[in-house]
Amino acid sequence: MDPGDGGNYHPTVDPANFADTIDNPYLPLTPGSRWVYEGLSDGRAERKEVVVTDQHRTIMGVATVVVRDTVYVDGELHEDTYDWYAQDSDGNVWYFGENTTTYETGQPPDTSGSWEAGVHGALPGIVMPGERSEGDAYRHEYLAGEAEDMAEILEVGTNHTIGLGDYTDVVVTEEWNPLEPEVVEHKYYAPGVGLVYAQRTAGGNDSEELIEH
């Protein structure tokens, strides 16, 4: 599967077409916002905290918003990541890379998952389109052999219920990575909130659900 470009991916990034705020209703990233998720990762209890900082990082001439994502597995810090996002004039939210550190017991911290758009051939991608239609597919990121996450919109305008309540006008995406073809995940985004639920549909039973916002 690919988002229709056959691997010929050359996005146009014009800094003049980007704003310094992110207000896409399905991925609003306002400084100070915080989301907490709980679920399972490889059968172990996972808790994730996502916080939009007041920091910016200029990448490819674009002032991106810095979002910190910390993951705890069985109560211990497993991953600490700073992600970089920006929104263009059409409302598309782009992903420009990450500075990530993974921690495993008895192992030194691992930063091999880090990448930055514009460096060593890495390219940014869209994580939430400004206009959403069923069947639309897009790349989240692109660094050949390292960062190749993709997504397709499965449903728009649906309903979804979690412990926090009932959500309407939900967008459902299917996400995959050709580097791990056995893994497929569905994600549910609610307007004004963002991601509320995620569930692997292939390659395991990992899940996460929003518990605080």
N, C-alpha and C. Protein backbone atom coordinates (compact mmCIF):
# COMPACT_ATOMS: atom_id res chain seq x y z
N MET A 1 0.85 -1.20 0.00
CA MET A 1 0.00 0.00 0.00
C MET A 1 0.88 1.24 0.00
N ASP A 2 0.42 2.28 -0.69
CA ASP A 2 1.07 3.58 -0.63
C ASP A 2 -0.01 4.64 -0.87
N PRO A 3 0.27 5.90 -0.57
CA PRO A 3 -0.77 6.93 -0.69
C PRO A 3 -0.97 7.44 -2.12
N GLY A 4 -0.61 6.62 -3.10
CA GLY A 4 -0.87 6.98 -4.47
C GLY A 4 0.28 7.63 -5.20
N ASP A 5 1.42 7.83 -4.53
CA ASP A 5 2.54 8.48 -5.20
C ASP A 5 3.58 7.48 -5.70
N GLY A 6 3.35 6.19 -5.39
CA GLY A 6 4.28 5.17 -5.85
C GLY A 6 5.70 5.33 -5.34
N GLY A 7 5.84 6.07 -4.24
CA GLY A 7 7.17 6.31 -3.69
C GLY A 7 7.85 7.54 -4.26
N ASN A 8 7.21 8.18 -5.22
CA ASN A 8 7.76 9.41 -5.81
C ASN A 8 7.20 10.60 -5.04
N TYR A 9 7.83 10.91 -3.94
CA TYR A 9 7.29 11.88 -2.98
C TYR A 9 8.18 13.12 -2.93
N HIS A 10 7.62 14.25 -3.36
CA HIS A 10 8.39 15.50 -3.36
C HIS A 10 7.47 16.65 -2.95
N PRO A 11 7.15 16.76 -1.66
CA PRO A 11 6.24 17.82 -1.22
C PRO A 11 6.86 19.20 -1.37
N THR A 12 6.00 20.17 -1.64
CA THR A 12 6.45 21.56 -1.71
C THR A 12 6.26 22.22 -0.36
N VAL A 13 7.34 22.74 0.19
CA VAL A 13 7.28 23.41 1.49
C VAL A 13 7.69 24.86 1.31
N ASP A 14 6.72 25.76 1.36
CA ASP A 14 6.96 27.20 1.24
C ASP A 14 6.67 27.84 2.59
N PRO A 15 7.70 28.30 3.30
CA PRO A 15 7.48 28.88 4.63
C PRO A 15 6.41 29.97 4.64
N ALA A 16 6.23 30.67 3.53
CA ALA A 16 5.23 31.74 3.48
C ALA A 16 3.81 31.20 3.58
N ASN A 17 3.64 29.90 3.34
CA ASN A 17 2.30 29.30 3.40
C ASN A 17 1.98 28.67 4.75
N PHE A 18 2.84 28.90 5.74
CA PHE A 18 2.62 28.33 7.06
C PHE A 18 2.36 29.41 8.10
N ALA A 19 1.50 29.08 9.07
CA ALA A 19 1.20 29.98 10.18
C ALA A 19 1.94 29.51 11.42
N ASP A 20 1.92 30.33 12.47
CA ASP A 20 2.61 29.93 13.71
C ASP A 20 1.64 29.36 14.73
N THR A 21 0.39 29.11 14.31
CA THR A 21 -0.59 28.47 15.19
C THR A 21 -1.17 27.25 14.49
N ILE A 22 -1.66 26.30 15.28
CA ILE A 22 -2.27 25.08 14.74
C ILE A 22 -3.67 24.96 15.33
N ASP A 23 -4.68 25.22 14.48
CA ASP A 23 -6.06 25.19 14.97
C ASP A 23 -6.95 24.26 14.15
N ASN A 24 -6.35 23.32 13.43
CA ASN A 24 -7.15 22.29 12.76
C ASN A 24 -8.04 21.63 13.82
N PRO A 25 -9.36 21.58 13.62
CA PRO A 25 -10.24 21.06 14.69
C PRO A 25 -9.96 19.61 15.09
N TYR A 26 -9.35 18.84 14.18
CA TYR A 26 -9.07 17.44 14.50
C TYR A 26 -7.66 17.21 15.03
N LEU A 27 -6.86 18.27 15.07
CA LEU A 27 -5.55 18.18 15.71
C LEU A 27 -5.14 19.56 16.20
N PRO A 28 -5.92 20.13 17.14
CA PRO A 28 -5.61 21.46 17.64
C PRO A 28 -4.43 21.40 18.61
N LEU A 29 -3.38 22.14 18.30
CA LEU A 29 -2.18 22.10 19.13
C LEU A 29 -1.89 23.48 19.69
N THR A 30 -2.68 23.85 20.69
CA THR A 30 -2.54 25.15 21.36
C THR A 30 -1.57 25.02 22.52
N PRO A 31 -0.59 25.92 22.65
CA PRO A 31 0.35 25.82 23.77
C PRO A 31 -0.37 25.70 25.11
N GLY A 32 0.09 24.76 25.92
CA GLY A 32 -0.52 24.50 27.22
C GLY A 32 -1.50 23.35 27.21
N SER A 33 -1.96 22.93 26.03
CA SER A 33 -2.90 21.81 25.96
C SER A 33 -2.22 20.51 26.38
N ARG A 34 -3.02 19.62 26.97
CA ARG A 34 -2.46 18.37 27.48
C ARG A 34 -3.47 17.24 27.29
N TRP A 35 -2.97 16.09 26.86
CA TRP A 35 -3.78 14.89 26.71
C TRP A 35 -3.09 13.74 27.44
N VAL A 36 -3.85 12.90 28.10
CA VAL A 36 -3.30 11.71 28.77
C VAL A 36 -4.05 10.49 28.25
N TYR A 37 -3.27 9.47 27.85
CA TYR A 37 -3.84 8.24 27.32
C TYR A 37 -3.37 7.06 28.15
N GLU A 38 -4.21 6.04 28.24
CA GLU A 38 -3.81 4.78 28.85
C GLU A 38 -4.23 3.64 27.94
N GLY A 39 -3.44 2.56 28.00
CA GLY A 39 -3.76 1.41 27.16
C GLY A 39 -2.75 0.31 27.33
N LEU A 40 -2.56 -0.46 26.26
CA LEU A 40 -1.64 -1.59 26.28
C LEU A 40 -0.60 -1.46 25.18
N SER A 41 0.63 -1.87 25.50
CA SER A 41 1.72 -1.93 24.52
C SER A 41 2.41 -3.27 24.70
N ASP A 42 2.25 -4.15 23.71
CA ASP A 42 2.81 -5.50 23.80
C ASP A 42 2.37 -6.20 25.09
N GLY A 43 1.12 -5.99 25.46
CA GLY A 43 0.56 -6.64 26.63
C GLY A 43 0.90 -5.99 27.95
N ARG A 44 1.64 -4.89 27.92
CA ARG A 44 2.04 -4.19 29.15
C ARG A 44 1.27 -2.87 29.27
N ALA A 45 1.05 -2.45 30.51
CA ALA A 45 0.30 -1.23 30.76
C ALA A 45 1.10 -0.02 30.29
N GLU A 46 0.45 0.83 29.50
CA GLU A 46 1.11 2.01 28.97
C GLU A 46 0.32 3.27 29.32
N ARG A 47 1.06 4.33 29.62
CA ARG A 47 0.45 5.64 29.87
C ARG A 47 1.24 6.67 29.06
N LYS A 48 0.52 7.49 28.33
CA LYS A 48 1.18 8.49 27.49
C LYS A 48 0.65 9.88 27.82
N GLU A 49 1.56 10.83 27.94
CA GLU A 49 1.19 12.22 28.19
C GLU A 49 1.71 13.08 27.04
N VAL A 50 0.82 13.87 26.45
CA VAL A 50 1.17 14.75 25.34
C VAL A 50 0.92 16.18 25.76
N VAL A 51 1.93 17.02 25.66
CA VAL A 51 1.82 18.42 26.08
C VAL A 51 2.33 19.33 24.97
N VAL A 52 1.54 20.33 24.61
CA VAL A 52 1.98 21.32 23.62
C VAL A 52 2.76 22.40 24.37
N THR A 53 4.04 22.54 24.06
CA THR A 53 4.88 23.52 24.73
C THR A 53 4.69 24.90 24.08
N ASP A 54 5.31 25.89 24.68
CA ASP A 54 5.29 27.24 24.10
C ASP A 54 6.55 27.49 23.27
N GLN A 55 7.26 26.42 22.94
CA GLN A 55 8.49 26.54 22.18
C GLN A 55 8.23 26.34 20.68
N HIS A 56 9.14 26.91 19.87
CA HIS A 56 9.11 26.73 18.43
C HIS A 56 10.49 26.31 17.95
N ARG A 57 10.52 25.59 16.85
CA ARG A 57 11.78 25.20 16.24
C ARG A 57 11.65 25.43 14.73
N THR A 58 12.58 26.17 14.16
CA THR A 58 12.53 26.46 12.73
C THR A 58 13.16 25.32 11.94
N ILE A 59 12.35 24.73 11.05
CA ILE A 59 12.79 23.60 10.23
C ILE A 59 12.38 23.88 8.79
N MET A 60 13.32 23.82 7.88
CA MET A 60 13.07 24.13 6.47
C MET A 60 12.44 25.51 6.32
N GLY A 61 12.82 26.43 7.21
CA GLY A 61 12.31 27.78 7.18
C GLY A 61 10.96 27.97 7.82
N VAL A 62 10.37 26.89 8.35
CA VAL A 62 9.04 26.92 8.95
C VAL A 62 9.16 26.90 10.47
N ALA A 63 8.43 27.79 11.14
CA ALA A 63 8.43 27.82 12.61
C ALA A 63 7.47 26.77 13.12
N THR A 64 7.99 25.63 13.52
CA THR A 64 7.14 24.53 14.00
C THR A 64 6.84 24.66 15.48
N VAL A 65 5.72 24.07 15.89
CA VAL A 65 5.33 24.01 17.30
C VAL A 65 5.93 22.74 17.90
N VAL A 66 6.51 22.88 19.09
CA VAL A 66 7.15 21.74 19.75
C VAL A 66 6.16 21.07 20.71
N VAL A 67 5.94 19.78 20.51
CA VAL A 67 5.01 19.00 21.34
C VAL A 67 5.79 17.88 22.02
N ARG A 68 5.68 17.81 23.34
CA ARG A 68 6.39 16.77 24.08
C ARG A 68 5.47 15.58 24.33
N ASP A 69 5.99 14.39 24.05
CA ASP A 69 5.23 13.14 24.16
C ASP A 69 6.06 12.19 25.03
N THR A 70 5.56 11.86 26.22
CA THR A 70 6.27 10.95 27.11
C THR A 70 5.45 9.69 27.32
N VAL A 71 6.11 8.55 27.20
CA VAL A 71 5.44 7.25 27.31
C VAL A 71 6.02 6.48 28.49
N TYR A 72 5.14 5.97 29.33
CA TYR A 72 5.53 5.17 30.48
C TYR A 72 4.96 3.76 30.30
N VAL A 73 5.78 2.75 30.49
CA VAL A 73 5.35 1.36 30.39
C VAL A 73 5.57 0.69 31.74
N ASP A 74 4.50 0.14 32.29
CA ASP A 74 4.55 -0.46 33.64
C ASP A 74 5.13 0.53 34.65
N GLY A 75 4.78 1.81 34.47
CA GLY A 75 5.17 2.84 35.43
C GLY A 75 6.55 3.42 35.24
N GLU A 76 7.32 2.92 34.28
CA GLU A 76 8.67 3.43 34.06
C GLU A 76 8.76 4.17 32.72
N LEU A 77 9.54 5.24 32.70
CA LEU A 77 9.70 6.02 31.48
C LEU A 77 10.28 5.14 30.37
N HIS A 78 9.58 5.10 29.26
CA HIS A 78 10.02 4.27 28.13
C HIS A 78 10.47 5.12 26.95
N GLU A 79 9.81 6.27 26.74
CA GLU A 79 10.16 7.10 25.59
C GLU A 79 9.86 8.56 25.90
N ASP A 80 10.77 9.43 25.52
CA ASP A 80 10.61 10.87 25.72
C ASP A 80 10.90 11.53 24.37
N THR A 81 9.86 12.16 23.79
CA THR A 81 9.97 12.66 22.43
C THR A 81 9.52 14.10 22.32
N TYR A 82 10.23 14.87 21.53
CA TYR A 82 9.82 16.22 21.14
C TYR A 82 9.49 16.18 19.65
N ASP A 83 8.20 16.36 19.33
CA ASP A 83 7.73 16.34 17.95
C ASP A 83 7.57 17.76 17.44
N TRP A 84 7.68 17.93 16.12
CA TRP A 84 7.62 19.26 15.51
C TRP A 84 6.51 19.31 14.46
N TYR A 85 5.54 20.20 14.69
CA TYR A 85 4.37 20.32 13.82
C TYR A 85 4.19 21.75 13.34
N ALA A 86 3.53 21.89 12.18
CA ALA A 86 3.15 23.21 11.67
C ALA A 86 1.92 23.06 10.80
N GLN A 87 1.16 24.14 10.66
CA GLN A 87 -0.06 24.11 9.87
C GLN A 87 0.05 25.08 8.70
N ASP A 88 -0.34 24.60 7.50
CA ASP A 88 -0.27 25.47 6.33
C ASP A 88 -1.57 26.25 6.15
N SER A 89 -1.60 27.10 5.12
CA SER A 89 -2.73 28.00 4.91
C SER A 89 -4.01 27.27 4.51
N ASP A 90 -3.89 26.00 4.12
CA ASP A 90 -5.07 25.19 3.80
C ASP A 90 -5.57 24.39 5.00
N GLY A 91 -4.94 24.57 6.15
CA GLY A 91 -5.37 23.87 7.35
C GLY A 91 -4.75 22.51 7.55
N ASN A 92 -3.85 22.09 6.64
CA ASN A 92 -3.17 20.81 6.80
C ASN A 92 -2.12 20.91 7.91
N VAL A 93 -2.12 19.93 8.81
CA VAL A 93 -1.10 19.89 9.86
C VAL A 93 0.03 18.98 9.39
N TRP A 94 1.24 19.54 9.35
CA TRP A 94 2.42 18.82 8.87
C TRP A 94 3.29 18.37 10.03
N TYR A 95 3.99 17.27 9.80
CA TYR A 95 4.92 16.71 10.78
C TYR A 95 6.33 16.86 10.22
N PHE A 96 7.20 17.56 10.96
CA PHE A 96 8.54 17.88 10.49
C PHE A 96 9.64 17.08 11.18
N GLY A 97 9.27 16.11 12.02
CA GLY A 97 10.29 15.26 12.62
C GLY A 97 10.18 15.18 14.13
N GLU A 98 11.18 14.56 14.72
CA GLU A 98 11.15 14.31 16.16
C GLU A 98 12.56 14.13 16.71
N ASN A 99 12.68 14.51 17.96
CA ASN A 99 13.88 14.21 18.74
C ASN A 99 13.43 13.25 19.83
N THR A 100 13.76 11.98 19.65
CA THR A 100 13.20 10.97 20.54
C THR A 100 14.30 10.16 21.23
N THR A 101 14.04 9.82 22.48
CA THR A 101 14.95 8.99 23.25
C THR A 101 14.15 7.84 23.86
N THR A 102 14.62 6.62 23.62
CA THR A 102 13.97 5.42 24.15
C THR A 102 14.82 4.82 25.26
N TYR A 103 14.15 4.37 26.32
CA TYR A 103 14.85 3.81 27.48
C TYR A 103 14.44 2.36 27.67
N GLU A 104 15.42 1.49 27.77
CA GLU A 104 15.20 0.08 28.07
C GLU A 104 16.09 -0.31 29.24
N THR A 105 15.55 -1.09 30.16
CA THR A 105 16.31 -1.50 31.34
C THR A 105 17.62 -2.17 30.94
N GLY A 106 18.71 -1.68 31.51
CA GLY A 106 20.01 -2.27 31.24
C GLY A 106 20.66 -1.82 29.95
N GLN A 107 19.99 -0.92 29.21
CA GLN A 107 20.53 -0.45 27.94
C GLN A 107 20.74 1.06 27.99
N PRO A 108 21.71 1.58 27.26
CA PRO A 108 21.89 3.03 27.21
C PRO A 108 20.74 3.68 26.45
N PRO A 109 20.43 4.94 26.71
CA PRO A 109 19.36 5.61 25.98
C PRO A 109 19.60 5.53 24.47
N ASP A 110 18.52 5.33 23.72
CA ASP A 110 18.61 5.14 22.28
C ASP A 110 17.91 6.29 21.57
N THR A 111 18.64 7.03 20.74
CA THR A 111 18.07 8.16 20.01
C THR A 111 17.96 7.88 18.50
N SER A 112 18.06 6.62 18.12
CA SER A 112 18.12 6.28 16.70
C SER A 112 16.83 6.59 15.95
N GLY A 113 15.72 6.78 16.66
CA GLY A 113 14.45 7.08 16.00
C GLY A 113 14.28 8.55 15.65
N SER A 114 15.26 9.38 16.00
CA SER A 114 15.16 10.82 15.73
C SER A 114 15.40 11.13 14.26
N TRP A 115 14.70 12.13 13.75
CA TRP A 115 14.92 12.60 12.39
C TRP A 115 14.36 14.01 12.24
N GLU A 116 14.87 14.74 11.26
CA GLU A 116 14.44 16.11 11.04
C GLU A 116 14.28 16.36 9.54
N ALA A 117 13.14 16.90 9.16
CA ALA A 117 12.89 17.20 7.75
C ALA A 117 13.97 18.14 7.21
N GLY A 118 14.42 17.84 6.02
CA GLY A 118 15.46 18.66 5.40
C GLY A 118 16.86 18.20 5.68
N VAL A 119 17.00 17.19 6.56
CA VAL A 119 18.32 16.67 6.93
C VAL A 119 18.44 15.22 6.43
N HIS A 120 19.52 14.95 5.70
CA HIS A 120 19.80 13.61 5.18
C HIS A 120 18.66 13.04 4.34
N GLY A 121 17.99 13.90 3.61
CA GLY A 121 16.94 13.45 2.71
C GLY A 121 15.57 13.28 3.33
N ALA A 122 15.42 13.56 4.61
CA ALA A 122 14.12 13.42 5.26
C ALA A 122 13.16 14.51 4.79
N LEU A 123 11.88 14.14 4.67
CA LEU A 123 10.86 15.06 4.20
C LEU A 123 9.67 15.07 5.15
N PRO A 124 9.02 16.22 5.30
CA PRO A 124 7.84 16.28 6.17
C PRO A 124 6.63 15.67 5.48
N GLY A 125 5.60 15.39 6.27
CA GLY A 125 4.36 14.87 5.73
C GLY A 125 3.18 15.43 6.48
N ILE A 126 1.99 15.08 6.04
CA ILE A 126 0.76 15.58 6.65
C ILE A 126 0.23 14.56 7.66
N VAL A 127 -0.09 15.03 8.86
CA VAL A 127 -0.67 14.14 9.87
C VAL A 127 -2.17 14.33 10.03
N MET A 128 -2.68 15.50 9.61
CA MET A 128 -4.12 15.72 9.60
C MET A 128 -4.46 16.72 8.51
N PRO A 129 -5.20 16.28 7.48
CA PRO A 129 -5.55 17.19 6.39
C PRO A 129 -6.53 18.28 6.84
N GLY A 130 -6.48 19.40 6.13
CA GLY A 130 -7.44 20.47 6.41
C GLY A 130 -8.83 20.12 5.93
N GLU A 131 -8.92 19.40 4.81
CA GLU A 131 -10.18 18.88 4.29
C GLU A 131 -10.09 17.36 4.31
N ARG A 132 -11.15 16.72 4.78
CA ARG A 132 -11.08 15.28 5.01
C ARG A 132 -12.20 14.57 4.25
N SER A 133 -11.82 13.63 3.40
CA SER A 133 -12.79 12.84 2.65
C SER A 133 -12.39 11.37 2.71
N GLU A 134 -13.38 10.50 2.77
CA GLU A 134 -13.10 9.06 2.81
C GLU A 134 -12.29 8.64 1.59
N GLY A 135 -11.25 7.85 1.84
CA GLY A 135 -10.40 7.37 0.77
C GLY A 135 -9.15 8.20 0.55
N ASP A 136 -9.09 9.40 1.11
CA ASP A 136 -7.89 10.22 0.98
C ASP A 136 -6.73 9.54 1.71
N ALA A 137 -5.57 9.47 1.07
CA ALA A 137 -4.39 8.86 1.69
C ALA A 137 -3.23 9.86 1.61
N TYR A 138 -2.31 9.76 2.58
CA TYR A 138 -1.23 10.74 2.67
C TYR A 138 -0.08 10.15 3.49
N ARG A 139 1.07 10.75 3.32
CA ARG A 139 2.25 10.35 4.10
C ARG A 139 2.39 11.26 5.33
N HIS A 140 2.68 10.63 6.47
CA HIS A 140 2.98 11.39 7.68
C HIS A 140 4.40 11.94 7.66
N GLU A 141 5.29 11.24 6.97
CA GLU A 141 6.72 11.50 7.06
C GLU A 141 7.41 10.74 5.94
N TYR A 142 8.67 11.11 5.68
CA TYR A 142 9.41 10.28 4.73
C TYR A 142 10.91 10.40 4.92
N LEU A 143 11.50 9.31 5.34
CA LEU A 143 12.94 9.11 5.36
C LEU A 143 13.12 7.65 5.00
N ALA A 144 13.53 7.40 3.78
CA ALA A 144 13.54 6.04 3.24
C ALA A 144 14.23 5.06 4.17
N GLY A 145 13.50 3.99 4.49
CA GLY A 145 14.04 2.94 5.33
C GLY A 145 13.99 3.23 6.82
N GLU A 146 13.53 4.42 7.19
CA GLU A 146 13.50 4.77 8.62
C GLU A 146 12.17 5.35 9.08
N ALA A 147 11.60 6.27 8.32
CA ALA A 147 10.36 6.94 8.73
C ALA A 147 9.42 6.98 7.53
N GLU A 148 8.45 6.06 7.49
CA GLU A 148 7.58 5.96 6.32
C GLU A 148 6.11 5.76 6.70
N ASP A 149 5.68 6.33 7.81
CA ASP A 149 4.29 6.17 8.23
C ASP A 149 3.34 6.81 7.22
N MET A 150 2.20 6.12 6.98
CA MET A 150 1.18 6.58 6.05
C MET A 150 -0.19 6.43 6.67
N ALA A 151 -1.18 7.10 6.06
CA ALA A 151 -2.55 7.01 6.58
C ALA A 151 -3.56 7.16 5.47
N GLU A 152 -4.75 6.61 5.72
CA GLU A 152 -5.89 6.79 4.83
C GLU A 152 -7.12 7.07 5.68
N ILE A 153 -7.95 7.98 5.22
CA ILE A 153 -9.19 8.29 5.95
C ILE A 153 -10.24 7.24 5.61
N LEU A 154 -10.70 6.53 6.64
CA LEU A 154 -11.69 5.46 6.45
C LEU A 154 -13.12 5.98 6.58
N GLU A 155 -13.35 6.87 7.56
CA GLU A 155 -14.69 7.37 7.81
C GLU A 155 -14.63 8.83 8.23
N VAL A 156 -15.68 9.57 7.89
CA VAL A 156 -15.87 10.92 8.41
C VAL A 156 -17.30 11.02 8.92
N GLY A 157 -17.50 11.85 9.94
CA GLY A 157 -18.85 12.08 10.45
C GLY A 157 -19.45 10.93 11.22
N THR A 158 -18.61 10.07 11.80
CA THR A 158 -19.13 8.94 12.57
C THR A 158 -19.15 9.28 14.06
N ASN A 159 -19.61 8.34 14.87
CA ASN A 159 -19.67 8.51 16.32
C ASN A 159 -18.73 7.52 17.00
N HIS A 160 -18.22 7.89 18.17
CA HIS A 160 -17.38 6.97 18.93
C HIS A 160 -17.51 7.28 20.41
N THR A 161 -17.57 6.23 21.22
CA THR A 161 -17.74 6.38 22.66
C THR A 161 -16.55 5.79 23.39
N ILE A 162 -16.01 6.55 24.34
CA ILE A 162 -14.97 6.07 25.25
C ILE A 162 -15.40 6.41 26.67
N GLY A 163 -14.55 6.11 27.63
CA GLY A 163 -14.90 6.36 29.02
C GLY A 163 -15.21 7.81 29.33
N LEU A 164 -14.58 8.74 28.60
CA LEU A 164 -14.81 10.17 28.84
C LEU A 164 -16.14 10.65 28.30
N GLY A 165 -16.75 9.86 27.38
CA GLY A 165 -18.04 10.28 26.85
C GLY A 165 -18.24 9.91 25.40
N ASP A 166 -19.30 10.50 24.82
CA ASP A 166 -19.67 10.23 23.43
C ASP A 166 -19.16 11.36 22.54
N TYR A 167 -18.58 10.99 21.42
CA TYR A 167 -18.07 11.98 20.48
C TYR A 167 -18.76 11.80 19.13
N THR A 168 -19.10 12.92 18.50
CA THR A 168 -19.75 12.91 17.19
C THR A 168 -18.85 13.56 16.15
N ASP A 169 -19.19 13.36 14.89
CA ASP A 169 -18.44 13.92 13.77
C ASP A 169 -16.97 13.49 13.83
N VAL A 170 -16.76 12.23 14.21
CA VAL A 170 -15.42 11.67 14.37
C VAL A 170 -14.83 11.27 13.02
N VAL A 171 -13.52 11.49 12.87
CA VAL A 171 -12.78 11.04 11.70
C VAL A 171 -11.97 9.80 12.09
N VAL A 172 -12.08 8.74 11.29
CA VAL A 172 -11.34 7.50 11.55
C VAL A 172 -10.29 7.32 10.46
N THR A 173 -9.05 7.09 10.87
CA THR A 173 -7.98 6.84 9.91
C THR A 173 -7.41 5.44 10.11
N GLU A 174 -6.85 4.91 9.02
CA GLU A 174 -6.08 3.68 9.09
C GLU A 174 -4.63 4.05 8.83
N GLU A 175 -3.73 3.58 9.71
CA GLU A 175 -2.33 3.95 9.59
C GLU A 175 -1.46 2.71 9.50
N TRP A 176 -0.41 2.82 8.69
CA TRP A 176 0.48 1.68 8.47
C TRP A 176 1.85 2.19 8.09
N ASN A 177 2.80 1.27 8.04
CA ASN A 177 4.18 1.60 7.69
C ASN A 177 4.73 0.42 6.88
N PRO A 178 5.17 0.63 5.64
CA PRO A 178 5.66 -0.48 4.83
C PRO A 178 6.89 -1.16 5.42
N LEU A 179 7.53 -0.52 6.38
CA LEU A 179 8.68 -1.14 7.05
C LEU A 179 8.21 -2.17 8.08
N GLU A 180 6.94 -2.07 8.49
CA GLU A 180 6.31 -3.05 9.39
C GLU A 180 4.95 -3.42 8.81
N PRO A 181 4.92 -4.11 7.69
CA PRO A 181 3.66 -4.35 6.97
C PRO A 181 2.64 -5.17 7.74
N GLU A 182 3.09 -5.85 8.77
CA GLU A 182 2.15 -6.68 9.55
C GLU A 182 1.35 -5.86 10.55
N VAL A 183 1.70 -4.59 10.74
CA VAL A 183 1.04 -3.75 11.75
C VAL A 183 0.11 -2.73 11.08
N VAL A 184 -1.15 -2.72 11.50
CA VAL A 184 -2.14 -1.76 11.01
C VAL A 184 -2.88 -1.20 12.22
N GLU A 185 -3.13 0.11 12.23
CA GLU A 185 -3.77 0.75 13.37
C GLU A 185 -4.90 1.67 12.89
N HIS A 186 -5.99 1.69 13.65
CA HIS A 186 -7.08 2.62 13.41
C HIS A 186 -7.06 3.68 14.50
N LYS A 187 -7.23 4.95 14.08
CA LYS A 187 -7.25 6.05 15.04
C LYS A 187 -8.52 6.86 14.87
N TYR A 188 -9.04 7.36 15.99
CA TYR A 188 -10.30 8.09 16.03
C TYR A 188 -10.03 9.51 16.53
N TYR A 189 -10.41 10.49 15.71
CA TYR A 189 -10.16 11.90 16.04
C TYR A 189 -11.50 12.63 16.18
N ALA A 190 -11.66 13.35 17.30
CA ALA A 190 -12.89 14.10 17.55
C ALA A 190 -12.62 15.59 17.39
N PRO A 191 -13.59 16.35 16.83
CA PRO A 191 -13.38 17.78 16.64
C PRO A 191 -13.23 18.52 17.96
N GLY A 192 -12.29 19.44 17.99
CA GLY A 192 -12.04 20.22 19.19
C GLY A 192 -11.20 19.50 20.22
N VAL A 193 -10.90 18.23 19.99
CA VAL A 193 -10.14 17.42 20.95
C VAL A 193 -8.88 16.85 20.32
N GLY A 194 -9.04 16.17 19.17
CA GLY A 194 -7.92 15.46 18.56
C GLY A 194 -8.10 13.96 18.75
N LEU A 195 -7.00 13.26 18.91
CA LEU A 195 -7.04 11.80 19.04
C LEU A 195 -7.73 11.40 20.35
N VAL A 196 -8.74 10.52 20.24
CA VAL A 196 -9.43 10.04 21.44
C VAL A 196 -9.24 8.54 21.65
N TYR A 197 -8.92 7.81 20.56
CA TYR A 197 -8.77 6.36 20.71
C TYR A 197 -7.94 5.82 19.55
N ALA A 198 -7.15 4.79 19.84
CA ALA A 198 -6.37 4.10 18.81
C ALA A 198 -6.35 2.62 19.14
N GLN A 199 -6.41 1.80 18.10
CA GLN A 199 -6.45 0.35 18.28
C GLN A 199 -5.77 -0.34 17.11
N ARG A 200 -4.83 -1.23 17.41
CA ARG A 200 -4.25 -2.04 16.34
C ARG A 200 -5.30 -3.01 15.83
N THR A 201 -5.39 -3.12 14.52
CA THR A 201 -6.31 -4.08 13.91
C THR A 201 -5.55 -5.25 13.30
N ALA A 202 -4.22 -5.15 13.26
CA ALA A 202 -3.36 -6.23 12.80
C ALA A 202 -2.00 -6.05 13.46
N GLY A 203 -1.34 -7.18 13.76
CA GLY A 203 -0.01 -7.10 14.35
C GLY A 203 0.00 -6.90 15.85
N GLY A 204 -1.07 -7.29 16.53
CA GLY A 204 -1.10 -7.16 17.98
C GLY A 204 -2.40 -6.56 18.45
N ASN A 205 -2.51 -6.35 19.77
CA ASN A 205 -3.73 -5.79 20.34
C ASN A 205 -3.47 -4.49 21.08
N ASP A 206 -2.40 -3.78 20.72
CA ASP A 206 -2.09 -2.51 21.36
C ASP A 206 -3.26 -1.53 21.21
N SER A 207 -3.47 -0.72 22.24
CA SER A 207 -4.54 0.27 22.19
C SER A 207 -4.20 1.43 23.11
N GLU A 208 -4.85 2.56 22.88
CA GLU A 208 -4.74 3.67 23.82
C GLU A 208 -6.03 4.47 23.77
N GLU A 209 -6.43 4.95 24.93
CA GLU A 209 -7.68 5.69 25.06
C GLU A 209 -7.45 6.96 25.86
N LEU A 210 -8.02 8.05 25.39
CA LEU A 210 -7.91 9.32 26.10
C LEU A 210 -8.62 9.24 27.45
N ILE A 211 -7.90 9.59 28.53
CA ILE A 211 -8.52 9.57 29.86
C ILE A 211 -8.54 10.93 30.53
N GLU A 212 -7.73 11.88 30.02
CA GLU A 212 -7.70 13.24 30.55
C GLU A 212 -7.44 14.21 29.43
N HIS A 213 -8.16 15.35 29.49
CA HIS A 213 -7.92 16.40 28.49
C HIS A 213 -8.38 17.73 29.07
